[in-house]
All heavy atoms as atom14 arrays in JSON, in Angstrom:
{
  "sequence": "GAAFATIIGQAVSFIFSLFYLFRRKEEFGFDFEKSSFSLKGKYVKMI",
  "atom14_mask": [
    [1, 1, 1, 1, 0, 0, 0, 0, 0, 0, 0, 0, 0, 0],
    [1, 1, 1, 1, 1, 0, 0, 0, 0, 0, 0, 0, 0, 0],
    [1, 1, 1, 1, 1, 0, 0, 0, 0, 0, 0, 0, 0, 0],
    [1, 1, 1, 1, 1, 1, 1, 1, 1, 1, 1, 0, 0, 0],
    [1, 1, 1, 1, 1, 0, 0, 0, 0, 0, 0, 0, 0, 0],
    [1, 1, 1, 1, 1, 1, 1, 0, 0, 0, 0, 0, 0, 0],
    [1, 1, 1, 1, 1, 1, 1, 1, 0, 0, 0, 0, 0, 0],
    [1, 1, 1, 1, 1, 1, 1, 1, 0, 0, 0, 0, 0, 0],
    [1, 1, 1, 1, 0, 0, 0, 0, 0, 0, 0, 0, 0, 0],
    [1, 1, 1, 1, 1, 1, 1, 1, 1, 0, 0, 0, 0, 0],
    [1, 1, 1, 1, 1, 0, 0, 0, 0, 0, 0, 0, 0, 0],
    [1, 1, 1, 1, 1, 1, 1, 0, 0, 0, 0, 0, 0, 0],
    [1, 1, 1, 1, 1, 1, 0, 0, 0, 0, 0, 0, 0, 0],
    [1, 1, 1, 1, 1, 1, 1, 1, 1, 1, 1, 0, 0, 0],
    [1, 1, 1, 1, 1, 1, 1, 1, 0, 0, 0, 0, 0, 0],
    [1, 1, 1, 1, 1, 1, 1, 1, 1, 1, 1, 0, 0, 0],
    [1, 1, 1, 1, 1, 1, 0, 0, 0, 0, 0, 0, 0, 0],
    [1, 1, 1, 1, 1, 1, 1, 1, 0, 0, 0, 0, 0, 0],
    [1, 1, 1, 1, 1, 1, 1, 1, 1, 1, 1, 0, 0, 0],
    [1, 1, 1, 1, 1, 1, 1, 1, 1, 1, 1, 1, 0, 0],
    [1, 1, 1, 1, 1, 1, 1, 1, 0, 0, 0, 0, 0, 0],
    [1, 1, 1, 1, 1, 1, 1, 1, 1, 1, 1, 0, 0, 0],
    [1, 1, 1, 1, 1, 1, 1, 1, 1, 1, 1, 0, 0, 0],
    [1, 1, 1, 1, 1, 1, 1, 1, 1, 1, 1, 0, 0, 0],
    [1, 1, 1, 1, 1, 1, 1, 1, 1, 0, 0, 0, 0, 0],
    [1, 1, 1, 1, 1, 1, 1, 1, 1, 0, 0, 0, 0, 0],
    [1, 1, 1, 1, 1, 1, 1, 1, 1, 0, 0, 0, 0, 0],
    [1, 1, 1, 1, 1, 1, 1, 1, 1, 1, 1, 0, 0, 0],
    [1, 1, 1, 1, 0, 0, 0, 0, 0, 0, 0, 0, 0, 0],
    [1, 1, 1, 1, 1, 1, 1, 1, 1, 1, 1, 0, 0, 0],
    [1, 1, 1, 1, 1, 1, 1, 1, 0, 0, 0, 0, 0, 0],
    [1, 1, 1, 1, 1, 1, 1, 1, 1, 1, 1, 0, 0, 0],
    [1, 1, 1, 1, 1, 1, 1, 1, 1, 0, 0, 0, 0, 0],
    [1, 1, 1, 1, 1, 1, 1, 1, 1, 0, 0, 0, 0, 0],
    [1, 1, 1, 1, 1, 1, 0, 0, 0, 0, 0, 0, 0, 0],
    [1, 1, 1, 1, 1, 1, 0, 0, 0, 0, 0, 0, 0, 0],
    [1, 1, 1, 1, 1, 1, 1, 1, 1, 1, 1, 0, 0, 0],
    [1, 1, 1, 1, 1, 1, 0, 0, 0, 0, 0, 0, 0, 0],
    [1, 1, 1, 1, 1, 1, 1, 1, 0, 0, 0, 0, 0, 0],
    [1, 1, 1, 1, 1, 1, 1, 1, 1, 0, 0, 0, 0, 0],
    [1, 1, 1, 1, 0, 0, 0, 0, 0, 0, 0, 0, 0, 0],
    [1, 1, 1, 1, 1, 1, 1, 1, 1, 0, 0, 0, 0, 0],
    [1, 1, 1, 1, 1, 1, 1, 1, 1, 1, 1, 1, 0, 0],
    [1, 1, 1, 1, 1, 1, 1, 0, 0, 0, 0, 0, 0, 0],
    [1, 1, 1, 1, 1, 1, 1, 1, 1, 0, 0, 0, 0, 0],
    [1, 1, 1, 1, 1, 1, 1, 1, 0, 0, 0, 0, 0, 0],
    [1, 1, 1, 1, 1, 1, 1, 1, 0, 0, 0, 0, 0, 0]
  ],
  "atom14_positions": [
    [[0.87, -1.19, -0.02], [0.0, 0.06, 0.04], [0.82, 1.27, 0.01], [0.56, 2.22, -0.68], [0.0, 0.0, 0.0], [0.0, 0.0, 0.0], [0.0, 0.0, 0.0], [0.0, 0.0, 0.0], [0.0, 0.0, 0.0], [0.0, 0.0, 0.0], [0.0, 0.0, 0.0], [0.0, 0.0, 0.0], [0.0, 0.0, 0.0], [0.0, 0.0, 0.0]],
    [[1.92, 1.25, 0.78], [2.83, 2.38, 0.81], [3.45, 2.63, -0.55], [3.68, 3.74, -0.99], [3.91, 2.18, 1.91], [0.0, 0.0, 0.0], [0.0, 0.0, 0.0], [0.0, 0.0, 0.0], [0.0, 0.0, 0.0], [0.0, 0.0, 0.0], [0.0, 0.0, 0.0], [0.0, 0.0, 0.0], [0.0, 0.0, 0.0], [0.0, 0.0, 0.0]],
    [[3.81, 1.55, -1.28], [4.39, 1.7, -2.63], [3.38, 2.25, -3.56], [3.8, 3.22, -4.36], [4.89, 0.34, -3.09], [0.0, 0.0, 0.0], [0.0, 0.0, 0.0], [0.0, 0.0, 0.0], [0.0, 0.0, 0.0], [0.0, 0.0, 0.0], [0.0, 0.0, 0.0], [0.0, 0.0, 0.0], [0.0, 0.0, 0.0], [0.0, 0.0, 0.0]],
    [[2.15, 1.83, -3.54], [1.11, 2.36, -4.48], [0.9, 3.75, -4.17], [0.64, 4.64, -5.03], [-0.12, 1.52, -4.37], [-0.2, 0.3, -5.2], [-0.37, -0.89, -4.65], [-0.03, 0.45, -6.55], [-0.42, -1.97, -5.47], [-0.1, -0.72, -7.49], [-0.32, -1.93, -6.87], [0.0, 0.0, 0.0], [0.0, 0.0, 0.0], [0.0, 0.0, 0.0]],
    [[0.88, 4.18, -2.87], [0.65, 5.54, -2.48], [1.8, 6.45, -3.01], [1.55, 7.53, -3.48], [0.55, 5.7, -0.96], [0.0, 0.0, 0.0], [0.0, 0.0, 0.0], [0.0, 0.0, 0.0], [0.0, 0.0, 0.0], [0.0, 0.0, 0.0], [0.0, 0.0, 0.0], [0.0, 0.0, 0.0], [0.0, 0.0, 0.0], [0.0, 0.0, 0.0]],
    [[2.96, 5.96, -2.93], [4.15, 6.74, -3.4], [4.04, 7.04, -4.93], [4.23, 8.1, -5.36], [5.46, 5.97, -3.09], [5.62, 5.87, -1.65], [6.68, 6.65, -3.66], [0.0, 0.0, 0.0], [0.0, 0.0, 0.0], [0.0, 0.0, 0.0], [0.0, 0.0, 0.0], [0.0, 0.0, 0.0], [0.0, 0.0, 0.0], [0.0, 0.0, 0.0]],
    [[3.81, 5.86, -5.7], [3.82, 6.02, -7.16], [2.64, 6.93, -7.63], [2.73, 7.74, -8.55], [3.7, 4.65, -7.79], [5.04, 3.95, -7.63], [3.38, 4.83, -9.24], [6.27, 4.79, -8.19], [0.0, 0.0, 0.0], [0.0, 0.0, 0.0], [0.0, 0.0, 0.0], [0.0, 0.0, 0.0], [0.0, 0.0, 0.0], [0.0, 0.0, 0.0]],
    [[1.42, 6.8, -7.03], [0.31, 7.58, -7.36], [0.56, 9.08, -7.08], [0.29, 9.95, -7.89], [-0.96, 7.13, -6.67], [-1.38, 5.74, -7.16], [-2.14, 8.11, -6.88], [-2.47, 5.1, -6.39], [0.0, 0.0, 0.0], [0.0, 0.0, 0.0], [0.0, 0.0, 0.0], [0.0, 0.0, 0.0], [0.0, 0.0, 0.0], [0.0, 0.0, 0.0]],
    [[1.22, 9.33, -5.94], [1.53, 10.72, -5.6], [2.54, 11.32, -6.64], [2.46, 12.5, -7.01], [0.0, 0.0, 0.0], [0.0, 0.0, 0.0], [0.0, 0.0, 0.0], [0.0, 0.0, 0.0], [0.0, 0.0, 0.0], [0.0, 0.0, 0.0], [0.0, 0.0, 0.0], [0.0, 0.0, 0.0], [0.0, 0.0, 0.0], [0.0, 0.0, 0.0]],
    [[3.52, 10.54, -7.0], [4.54, 11.0, -8.0], [3.85, 11.23, -9.35], [4.26, 12.19, -10.0], [5.67, 9.97, -8.07], [6.51, 9.92, -6.84], [7.49, 8.81, -6.81], [7.36, 7.78, -7.67], [8.49, 8.86, -5.99], [0.0, 0.0, 0.0], [0.0, 0.0, 0.0], [0.0, 0.0, 0.0], [0.0, 0.0, 0.0], [0.0, 0.0, 0.0]],
    [[2.95, 10.37, -9.69], [2.31, 10.56, -11.01], [1.48, 11.83, -10.99], [1.48, 12.54, -12.03], [1.33, 9.34, -11.28], [0.0, 0.0, 0.0], [0.0, 0.0, 0.0], [0.0, 0.0, 0.0], [0.0, 0.0, 0.0], [0.0, 0.0, 0.0], [0.0, 0.0, 0.0], [0.0, 0.0, 0.0], [0.0, 0.0, 0.0], [0.0, 0.0, 0.0]],
    [[0.73, 12.07, -9.9], [-0.03, 13.34, -9.86], [0.87, 14.54, -9.84], [0.56, 15.54, -10.62], [-0.83, 13.31, -8.55], [-1.42, 14.74, -8.28], [-1.94, 12.3, -8.51], [0.0, 0.0, 0.0], [0.0, 0.0, 0.0], [0.0, 0.0, 0.0], [0.0, 0.0, 0.0], [0.0, 0.0, 0.0], [0.0, 0.0, 0.0], [0.0, 0.0, 0.0]],
    [[2.06, 14.54, -9.24], [2.94, 15.67, -9.21], [3.54, 15.85, -10.65], [3.57, 16.99, -11.09], [4.11, 15.32, -8.27], [5.05, 16.31, -8.29], [0.0, 0.0, 0.0], [0.0, 0.0, 0.0], [0.0, 0.0, 0.0], [0.0, 0.0, 0.0], [0.0, 0.0, 0.0], [0.0, 0.0, 0.0], [0.0, 0.0, 0.0], [0.0, 0.0, 0.0]],
    [[3.78, 14.82, -11.38], [4.33, 14.95, -12.75], [3.3, 15.55, -13.7], [3.59, 16.43, -14.53], [4.8, 13.55, -13.22], [5.18, 13.55, -14.73], [6.14, 14.42, -15.18], [4.57, 12.65, -15.56], [6.52, 14.38, -16.54], [4.87, 12.67, -16.97], [5.89, 13.49, -17.36], [0.0, 0.0, 0.0], [0.0, 0.0, 0.0], [0.0, 0.0, 0.0]],
    [[2.04, 15.07, -13.54], [1.0, 15.56, -14.47], [0.74, 17.05, -14.19], [0.59, 17.86, -15.11], [-0.28, 14.75, -14.29], [-0.14, 13.34, -14.73], [-1.54, 15.44, -14.89], [-1.26, 12.38, -14.36], [0.0, 0.0, 0.0], [0.0, 0.0, 0.0], [0.0, 0.0, 0.0], [0.0, 0.0, 0.0], [0.0, 0.0, 0.0], [0.0, 0.0, 0.0]],
    [[0.72, 17.47, -12.97], [0.48, 18.86, -12.59], [1.65, 19.74, -13.14], [1.44, 20.8, -13.73], [0.41, 19.11, -11.1], [-1.05, 19.02, -10.64], [-1.61, 17.85, -10.21], [-1.82, 20.17, -10.53], [-2.91, 17.78, -9.79], [-3.16, 20.12, -10.1], [-3.68, 18.97, -9.65], [0.0, 0.0, 0.0], [0.0, 0.0, 0.0], [0.0, 0.0, 0.0]],
    [[2.89, 19.23, -12.94], [4.02, 20.05, -13.38], [4.06, 20.13, -14.96], [4.43, 21.18, -15.53], [5.31, 19.39, -12.9], [5.55, 18.08, -13.38], [0.0, 0.0, 0.0], [0.0, 0.0, 0.0], [0.0, 0.0, 0.0], [0.0, 0.0, 0.0], [0.0, 0.0, 0.0], [0.0, 0.0, 0.0], [0.0, 0.0, 0.0], [0.0, 0.0, 0.0]],
    [[3.74, 19.08, -15.6], [3.71, 19.09, -17.11], [2.6, 20.07, -17.57], [2.85, 20.76, -18.58], [3.5, 17.69, -17.57], [3.76, 17.43, -19.12], [5.27, 17.71, -19.36], [3.41, 15.91, -19.38], [0.0, 0.0, 0.0], [0.0, 0.0, 0.0], [0.0, 0.0, 0.0], [0.0, 0.0, 0.0], [0.0, 0.0, 0.0], [0.0, 0.0, 0.0]],
    [[1.52, 20.03, -16.91], [0.33, 20.9, -17.33], [0.73, 22.34, -17.14], [0.39, 23.24, -18.0], [-0.91, 20.53, -16.53], [-2.09, 21.39, -16.87], [-2.75, 21.17, -18.07], [-2.49, 22.41, -15.99], [-3.85, 22.09, -18.39], [-3.57, 23.16, -16.3], [-4.28, 22.99, -17.52], [0.0, 0.0, 0.0], [0.0, 0.0, 0.0], [0.0, 0.0, 0.0]],
    [[1.43, 22.57, -16.1], [1.86, 24.03, -15.86], [2.84, 24.49, -16.89], [2.78, 25.59, -17.34], [2.46, 24.13, -14.4], [3.11, 25.48, -14.23], [2.34, 26.64, -13.86], [4.45, 25.71, -14.32], [2.89, 27.84, -13.6], [4.99, 27.02, -14.13], [4.23, 28.0, -13.74], [4.71, 29.27, -13.53], [0.0, 0.0, 0.0], [0.0, 0.0, 0.0]],
    [[3.77, 23.61, -17.23], [4.77, 23.98, -18.28], [4.11, 24.28, -19.6], [4.47, 25.13, -20.32], [5.78, 22.89, -18.37], [7.09, 23.2, -19.19], [7.85, 24.23, -18.46], [7.98, 21.92, -19.3], [0.0, 0.0, 0.0], [0.0, 0.0, 0.0], [0.0, 0.0, 0.0], [0.0, 0.0, 0.0], [0.0, 0.0, 0.0], [0.0, 0.0, 0.0]],
    [[3.03, 23.45, -19.89], [2.3, 23.61, -21.17], [1.54, 24.95, -21.12], [1.61, 25.71, -22.1], [1.32, 22.5, -21.32], [0.43, 22.69, -22.55], [0.92, 22.45, -23.76], [-0.9, 23.04, -22.39], [0.08, 22.58, -24.87], [-1.74, 23.15, -23.44], [-1.24, 23.0, -24.71], [0.0, 0.0, 0.0], [0.0, 0.0, 0.0], [0.0, 0.0, 0.0]],
    [[0.96, 25.33, -19.99], [0.17, 26.59, -19.92], [1.09, 27.77, -20.04], [0.65, 28.83, -20.49], [-0.56, 26.63, -18.55], [-1.79, 25.67, -18.5], [-2.89, 26.1, -19.37], [-3.36, 27.45, -19.09], [-4.34, 27.65, -18.18], [-4.92, 26.62, -17.48], [-4.78, 28.9, -17.9], [0.0, 0.0, 0.0], [0.0, 0.0, 0.0], [0.0, 0.0, 0.0]],
    [[2.38, 27.69, -19.68], [3.31, 28.83, -19.65], [4.39, 28.57, -20.73], [5.54, 28.99, -20.57], [3.99, 28.96, -18.32], [2.99, 29.21, -17.15], [2.35, 30.59, -17.32], [1.5, 30.93, -16.17], [1.87, 31.61, -15.09], [3.12, 31.94, -14.96], [1.04, 31.87, -14.12], [0.0, 0.0, 0.0], [0.0, 0.0, 0.0], [0.0, 0.0, 0.0]],
    [[3.98, 27.91, -21.85], [5.07, 27.53, -22.78], [5.77, 28.72, -23.4], [6.96, 28.58, -23.7], [4.48, 26.62, -23.81], [3.26, 27.23, -24.62], [2.56, 26.15, -25.53], [1.45, 26.73, -26.27], [0.75, 25.64, -27.14], [0.0, 0.0, 0.0], [0.0, 0.0, 0.0], [0.0, 0.0, 0.0], [0.0, 0.0, 0.0], [0.0, 0.0, 0.0]],
    [[5.02, 29.78, -23.61], [5.73, 30.98, -24.22], [6.73, 31.53, -23.33], [7.84, 31.99, -23.66], [4.67, 32.01, -24.51], [3.7, 31.67, -25.65], [2.54, 30.86, -25.2], [2.4, 30.65, -23.99], [1.76, 30.37, -26.11], [0.0, 0.0, 0.0], [0.0, 0.0, 0.0], [0.0, 0.0, 0.0], [0.0, 0.0, 0.0], [0.0, 0.0, 0.0]],
    [[6.45, 31.51, -22.01], [7.35, 32.11, -21.01], [8.54, 31.2, -20.82], [9.72, 31.76, -20.64], [6.58, 32.12, -19.64], [7.47, 32.75, -18.54], [6.68, 32.69, -17.15], [5.41, 32.51, -17.21], [7.32, 32.83, -16.14], [0.0, 0.0, 0.0], [0.0, 0.0, 0.0], [0.0, 0.0, 0.0], [0.0, 0.0, 0.0], [0.0, 0.0, 0.0]],
    [[8.44, 29.88, -20.95], [9.62, 29.05, -20.74], [10.33, 28.59, -22.05], [11.36, 27.9, -22.03], [9.16, 27.79, -19.94], [8.86, 28.11, -18.52], [7.55, 28.22, -18.03], [9.83, 28.31, -17.53], [7.25, 28.5, -16.76], [9.6, 28.6, -16.23], [8.19, 28.73, -15.86], [0.0, 0.0, 0.0], [0.0, 0.0, 0.0], [0.0, 0.0, 0.0]],
    [[9.74, 29.03, -23.17], [10.54, 28.86, -24.34], [10.42, 27.46, -25.01], [11.31, 27.0, -25.73], [0.0, 0.0, 0.0], [0.0, 0.0, 0.0], [0.0, 0.0, 0.0], [0.0, 0.0, 0.0], [0.0, 0.0, 0.0], [0.0, 0.0, 0.0], [0.0, 0.0, 0.0], [0.0, 0.0, 0.0], [0.0, 0.0, 0.0], [0.0, 0.0, 0.0]],
    [[9.33, 26.73, -24.66], [9.15, 25.43, -25.24], [7.72, 25.37, -25.87], [6.72, 25.63, -25.19], [9.23, 24.37, -24.25], [9.16, 22.98, -24.9], [10.05, 22.52, -25.79], [8.19, 22.05, -24.47], [10.04, 21.29, -26.4], [8.08, 20.78, -25.04], [9.03, 20.36, -26.0], [0.0, 0.0, 0.0], [0.0, 0.0, 0.0], [0.0, 0.0, 0.0]],
    [[7.55, 25.1, -27.15], [6.33, 25.21, -27.91], [5.41, 24.0, -27.83], [4.23, 24.1, -28.21], [6.58, 25.6, -29.34], [7.45, 24.57, -30.07], [7.58, 23.39, -29.57], [8.05, 24.95, -31.07], [0.0, 0.0, 0.0], [0.0, 0.0, 0.0], [0.0, 0.0, 0.0], [0.0, 0.0, 0.0], [0.0, 0.0, 0.0], [0.0, 0.0, 0.0]],
    [[5.85, 22.9, -27.35], [5.07, 21.6, -27.21], [4.55, 21.13, -28.55], [3.6, 20.39, -28.63], [3.9, 21.84, -26.23], [4.32, 21.61, -24.76], [4.79, 22.56, -23.96], [4.12, 20.34, -24.23], [5.1, 22.38, -22.71], [4.42, 20.08, -22.88], [4.97, 21.15, -22.1], [0.0, 0.0, 0.0], [0.0, 0.0, 0.0], [0.0, 0.0, 0.0]],
    [[5.21, 21.54, -29.63], [4.9, 21.05, -30.94], [5.39, 19.56, -31.01], [6.46, 19.25, -30.4], [5.52, 21.86, -32.04], [4.9, 23.25, -32.09], [3.46, 23.25, -32.61], [3.07, 22.37, -33.27], [2.79, 24.28, -32.16], [0.0, 0.0, 0.0], [0.0, 0.0, 0.0], [0.0, 0.0, 0.0], [0.0, 0.0, 0.0], [0.0, 0.0, 0.0]],
    [[4.76, 18.68, -31.8], [5.15, 17.32, -31.9], [6.56, 17.15, -32.41], [7.29, 16.32, -31.93], [4.13, 16.59, -32.89], [4.42, 15.12, -32.98], [3.42, 14.54, -33.87], [3.66, 12.9, -34.07], [2.71, 12.29, -34.92], [0.0, 0.0, 0.0], [0.0, 0.0, 0.0], [0.0, 0.0, 0.0], [0.0, 0.0, 0.0], [0.0, 0.0, 0.0]],
    [[6.87, 18.09, -33.37], [8.23, 18.0, -33.94], [9.3, 18.37, -32.88], [10.54, 18.02, -33.14], [8.37, 18.93, -35.14], [8.09, 20.35, -34.74], [0.0, 0.0, 0.0], [0.0, 0.0, 0.0], [0.0, 0.0, 0.0], [0.0, 0.0, 0.0], [0.0, 0.0, 0.0], [0.0, 0.0, 0.0], [0.0, 0.0, 0.0], [0.0, 0.0, 0.0]],
    [[8.94, 19.09, -31.86], [9.94, 19.44, -30.81], [10.31, 18.32, -29.92], [11.31, 18.32, -29.27], [9.34, 20.66, -29.99], [9.23, 21.82, -30.82], [0.0, 0.0, 0.0], [0.0, 0.0, 0.0], [0.0, 0.0, 0.0], [0.0, 0.0, 0.0], [0.0, 0.0, 0.0], [0.0, 0.0, 0.0], [0.0, 0.0, 0.0], [0.0, 0.0, 0.0]],
    [[9.44, 17.31, -29.82], [9.74, 16.15, -28.99], [10.54, 15.16, -29.79], [10.09, 14.11, -30.3], [8.43, 15.52, -28.5], [7.7, 16.22, -27.45], [6.65, 17.05, -27.83], [8.04, 16.25, -26.14], [5.91, 17.83, -26.88], [7.36, 16.97, -25.16], [6.3, 17.74, -25.47], [0.0, 0.0, 0.0], [0.0, 0.0, 0.0], [0.0, 0.0, 0.0]],
    [[11.89, 15.5, -29.9], [12.75, 14.65, -30.69], [14.19, 14.89, -30.14], [14.46, 15.81, -29.43], [12.74, 15.07, -32.16], [13.14, 16.4, -32.32], [0.0, 0.0, 0.0], [0.0, 0.0, 0.0], [0.0, 0.0, 0.0], [0.0, 0.0, 0.0], [0.0, 0.0, 0.0], [0.0, 0.0, 0.0], [0.0, 0.0, 0.0], [0.0, 0.0, 0.0]],
    [[14.96, 13.9, -30.5], [16.35, 13.93, -30.02], [17.19, 14.67, -30.97], [17.46, 14.17, -32.12], [16.93, 12.48, -29.83], [16.21, 11.62, -28.68], [16.71, 10.21, -28.86], [16.49, 12.2, -27.39], [0.0, 0.0, 0.0], [0.0, 0.0, 0.0], [0.0, 0.0, 0.0], [0.0, 0.0, 0.0], [0.0, 0.0, 0.0], [0.0, 0.0, 0.0]],
    [[17.65, 15.9, -30.75], [18.53, 16.66, -31.52], [20.03, 16.15, -31.22], [20.44, 16.29, -30.1], [18.38, 18.17, -31.21], [16.97, 18.62, -31.4], [16.52, 18.62, -32.82], [15.16, 19.33, -33.08], [14.07, 18.8, -32.18], [0.0, 0.0, 0.0], [0.0, 0.0, 0.0], [0.0, 0.0, 0.0], [0.0, 0.0, 0.0], [0.0, 0.0, 0.0]],
    [[20.66, 15.73, -32.27], [21.97, 15.16, -32.09], [22.95, 16.0, -31.33], [23.67, 15.53, -30.42], [0.0, 0.0, 0.0], [0.0, 0.0, 0.0], [0.0, 0.0, 0.0], [0.0, 0.0, 0.0], [0.0, 0.0, 0.0], [0.0, 0.0, 0.0], [0.0, 0.0, 0.0], [0.0, 0.0, 0.0], [0.0, 0.0, 0.0], [0.0, 0.0, 0.0]],
    [[22.95, 17.29, -31.59], [23.86, 18.18, -30.92], [23.66, 18.23, -29.42], [24.66, 18.17, -28.65], [23.71, 19.59, -31.5], [24.53, 20.72, -30.84], [24.2, 22.03, -31.44], [25.06, 23.13, -30.73], [24.74, 24.52, -31.34], [0.0, 0.0, 0.0], [0.0, 0.0, 0.0], [0.0, 0.0, 0.0], [0.0, 0.0, 0.0], [0.0, 0.0, 0.0]],
    [[22.39, 18.27, -29.05], [22.03, 18.42, -27.59], [22.1, 17.02, -26.89], [22.37, 16.96, -25.7], [20.74, 19.12, -27.42], [20.79, 20.52, -28.0], [20.01, 20.97, -29.03], [21.71, 21.5, -27.47], [20.15, 22.24, -29.56], [21.84, 22.77, -27.9], [21.08, 23.1, -29.03], [21.09, 24.33, -29.55], [0.0, 0.0, 0.0], [0.0, 0.0, 0.0]],
    [[21.85, 15.98, -27.63], [22.07, 14.69, -27.1], [23.51, 14.47, -26.65], [23.83, 14.01, -25.58], [21.61, 13.54, -28.04], [22.11, 12.17, -27.61], [20.13, 13.59, -28.26], [0.0, 0.0, 0.0], [0.0, 0.0, 0.0], [0.0, 0.0, 0.0], [0.0, 0.0, 0.0], [0.0, 0.0, 0.0], [0.0, 0.0, 0.0], [0.0, 0.0, 0.0]],
    [[24.45, 14.87, -27.54], [25.81, 14.79, -27.25], [26.17, 15.72, -26.05], [26.9, 15.25, -25.16], [26.65, 15.21, -28.42], [26.59, 14.26, -29.63], [27.38, 14.74, -30.82], [27.3, 13.84, -31.97], [28.08, 14.27, -33.12], [0.0, 0.0, 0.0], [0.0, 0.0, 0.0], [0.0, 0.0, 0.0], [0.0, 0.0, 0.0], [0.0, 0.0, 0.0]],
    [[25.61, 16.89, -26.02], [26.02, 17.76, -24.85], [25.34, 17.27, -23.54], [26.05, 17.25, -22.51], [25.47, 19.19, -25.12], [26.17, 19.89, -26.33], [25.68, 21.61, -26.56], [26.64, 22.31, -25.24], [0.0, 0.0, 0.0], [0.0, 0.0, 0.0], [0.0, 0.0, 0.0], [0.0, 0.0, 0.0], [0.0, 0.0, 0.0], [0.0, 0.0, 0.0]],
    [[24.15, 16.78, -23.57], [23.49, 16.25, -22.37], [24.19, 14.97, -21.92], [24.48, 14.77, -20.74], [21.99, 15.97, -22.57], [21.27, 17.31, -22.8], [21.44, 15.17, -21.47], [19.82, 17.11, -23.21], [0.0, 0.0, 0.0], [0.0, 0.0, 0.0], [0.0, 0.0, 0.0], [0.0, 0.0, 0.0], [0.0, 0.0, 0.0], [0.0, 0.0, 0.0]]
  ]
}
């Protein structure tokens, strides 16, 4: 039960944070376009 409580809480936190980032996408510089969700070789190497 403790394990399920932990994972559900983490899932809720992730969903809320992702929704906030989407609502403020202009402010944070990420457009959430499908094409943007991709691995750019240059930044893969840097990361």
